[in-house]
Amino acid sequence: MTVRDCRETLREKLQSENPSVAIQEFVIRLRDSGKNQQFVEDLLQSEMDECRALKNEEAWDAMADAMDFVVGWCPPSKKLF
């Protein structure tokens, strides 16, 4: 899956009923397919920057929720990497 594909999928996940959960599930899929933590962090950060520029707070929050689980700002049992 290319970066472009990942970005498109993230944008699709933002349209789901529960974007935070959908994005976290996608991050797990990326991890399980062999993408490393740095790849996922860079992907999420890029999308968060775009959400901020577009003043889309809801989308930014969903990305930030997923980022917390990627970088470990969560209970150890919830950390994804």
C-alpha atoms as a PDB file:
ATOM      1  CA  MET A   1       0.000   0.000   0.000  1.00  0.00           C
ATOM      2  CA  THR A   2       1.489   3.327  -1.066  1.00  0.00           C
ATOM      3  CA  VAL A   3       1.440   6.529   0.971  1.00  0.00           C
ATOM      4  CA  ARG A   4      -1.164   7.879  -1.436  1.00  0.00           C
ATOM      5  CA  ASP A   5      -3.358   4.800  -0.886  1.00  0.00           C
ATOM      6  CA  CYS A   6      -2.981   5.171   2.873  1.00  0.00           C
ATOM      7  CA  ARG A   7      -3.952   8.838   2.771  1.00  0.00           C
ATOM      8  CA  GLU A   8      -7.033   8.060   0.680  1.00  0.00           C
ATOM      9  CA  THR A   9      -8.033   5.295   3.085  1.00  0.00           C
ATOM     10  CA  LEU A  10      -7.606   7.603   6.079  1.00  0.00           C
ATOM     11  CA  ARG A  11      -9.881  10.151   4.447  1.00  0.00           C
ATOM     12  CA  GLU A  12     -12.466   7.439   3.841  1.00  0.00           C
ATOM     13  CA  LYS A  13     -12.236   6.395   7.491  1.00  0.00           C
ATOM     14  CA  LEU A  14     -13.002   9.978   8.523  1.00  0.00           C
ATOM     15  CA  GLN A  15     -16.394   9.585   6.879  1.00  0.00           C
ATOM     16  CA  SER A  16     -17.319   6.535   8.959  1.00  0.00           C
ATOM     17  CA  GLU A  17     -19.746   6.587  11.868  1.00  0.00           C
ATOM     18  CA  ASN A  18     -16.904   6.420  14.400  1.00  0.00           C
ATOM     19  CA  PRO A  19     -13.778   7.856  12.740  1.00  0.00           C
ATOM     20  CA  SER A  20     -11.480   7.379  15.749  1.00  0.00           C
ATOM     21  CA  VAL A  21     -12.140   3.653  15.900  1.00  0.00           C
ATOM     22  CA  ALA A  22     -12.008   3.261  12.125  1.00  0.00           C
ATOM     23  CA  ILE A  23      -8.618   4.992  11.960  1.00  0.00           C
ATOM     24  CA  GLN A  24      -7.238   2.933  14.839  1.00  0.00           C
ATOM     25  CA  GLU A  25      -8.352  -0.258  13.071  1.00  0.00           C
ATOM     26  CA  PHE A  26      -6.648   0.938   9.897  1.00  0.00           C
ATOM     27  CA  VAL A  27      -3.444   1.662  11.826  1.00  0.00           C
ATOM     28  CA  ILE A  28      -3.526  -1.892  13.191  1.00  0.00           C
ATOM     29  CA  ARG A  29      -3.932  -3.159   9.629  1.00  0.00           C
ATOM     30  CA  LEU A  30      -0.926  -1.100   8.537  1.00  0.00           C
ATOM     31  CA  ARG A  31       1.158  -2.412  11.429  1.00  0.00           C
ATOM     32  CA  ASP A  32       0.153  -6.001  10.731  1.00  0.00           C
ATOM     33  CA  SER A  33       1.049  -5.593   7.054  1.00  0.00           C
ATOM     34  CA  GLY A  34       4.595  -4.583   7.997  1.00  0.00           C
ATOM     35  CA  LYS A  35       4.488  -0.787   8.111  1.00  0.00           C
ATOM     36  CA  ASN A  36       6.695   0.525  10.889  1.00  0.00           C
ATOM     37  CA  GLN A  37       5.890   3.063  13.580  1.00  0.00           C
ATOM     38  CA  GLN A  38       7.720   5.913  11.839  1.00  0.00           C
ATOM     39  CA  PHE A  39       5.725   5.374   8.632  1.00  0.00           C
ATOM     40  CA  VAL A  40       2.433   5.503  10.558  1.00  0.00           C
ATOM     41  CA  GLU A  41       3.487   8.538  12.620  1.00  0.00           C
ATOM     42  CA  ASP A  42       4.502  10.431   9.476  1.00  0.00           C
ATOM     43  CA  LEU A  43       1.257   9.496   7.746  1.00  0.00           C
ATOM     44  CA  LEU A  44      -0.922  10.587  10.649  1.00  0.00           C
ATOM     45  CA  GLN A  45       1.075  13.776  11.229  1.00  0.00           C
ATOM     46  CA  SER A  46       0.734  14.744   7.582  1.00  0.00           C
ATOM     47  CA  GLU A  47      -3.016  14.257   7.732  1.00  0.00           C
ATOM     48  CA  MET A  48      -3.246  16.113  11.054  1.00  0.00           C
ATOM     49  CA  ASP A  49      -1.397  19.059   9.518  1.00  0.00           C
ATOM     50  CA  GLU A  50      -3.848  19.099   6.619  1.00  0.00           C
ATOM     51  CA  CYS A  51      -6.834  18.899   8.975  1.00  0.00           C
ATOM     52  CA  ARG A  52      -5.446  21.819  10.968  1.00  0.00           C
ATOM     53  CA  ALA A  53      -4.949  23.874   7.805  1.00  0.00           C
ATOM     54  CA  LEU A  54      -8.550  23.143   6.782  1.00  0.00           C
ATOM     55  CA  LYS A  55      -9.744  23.929  10.325  1.00  0.00           C
ATOM     56  CA  ASN A  56     -11.369  20.506  10.534  1.00  0.00           C
ATOM     57  CA  GLU A  57     -11.184  19.956  14.277  1.00  0.00           C
ATOM     58  CA  GLU A  58     -13.247  16.769  14.305  1.00  0.00           C
ATOM     59  CA  ALA A  59     -10.949  15.068  11.775  1.00  0.00           C
ATOM     60  CA  TRP A  60      -7.873  16.340  13.611  1.00  0.00           C
ATOM     61  CA  ASP A  61      -9.190  14.879  16.882  1.00  0.00           C
ATOM     62  CA  ALA A  62      -9.741  11.466  15.272  1.00  0.00           C
ATOM     63  CA  MET A  63      -6.183  11.463  13.875  1.00  0.00           C
ATOM     64  CA  ALA A  64      -4.786  12.624  17.233  1.00  0.00           C
ATOM     65  CA  ASP A  65      -6.618   9.820  19.035  1.00  0.00           C
ATOM     66  CA  ALA A  66      -4.937   7.279  16.758  1.00  0.00           C
ATOM     67  CA  MET A  67      -1.565   8.995  17.141  1.00  0.00           C
ATOM     68  CA  ASP A  68      -1.809   8.584  20.923  1.00  0.00           C
ATOM     69  CA  PHE A  69      -1.961   4.807  20.487  1.00  0.00           C
ATOM     70  CA  VAL A  70       0.922   4.854  17.999  1.00  0.00           C
ATOM     71  CA  VAL A  71       3.354   6.870  20.114  1.00  0.00           C
ATOM     72  CA  GLY A  72       2.275   5.384  23.433  1.00  0.00           C
ATOM     73  CA  TRP A  73       0.379   8.233  25.070  1.00  0.00           C
ATOM     74  CA  CYS A  74      -2.055   5.655  26.371  1.00  0.00           C
ATOM     75  CA  PRO A  75      -2.093   2.719  28.789  1.00  0.00           C
ATOM     76  CA  PRO A  76       0.723   0.291  27.909  1.00  0.00           C
ATOM     77  CA  SER A  77      -1.794  -2.416  27.001  1.00  0.00           C
ATOM     78  CA  LYS A  78      -3.284  -0.135  24.309  1.00  0.00           C
ATOM     79  CA  LYS A  79      -0.003   0.854  22.630  1.00  0.00           C
ATOM     80  CA  LEU A  80       0.058  -0.274  18.991  1.00  0.00           C
ATOM     81  CA  PHE A  81       3.826  -0.333  18.443  1.00  0.00           C
END
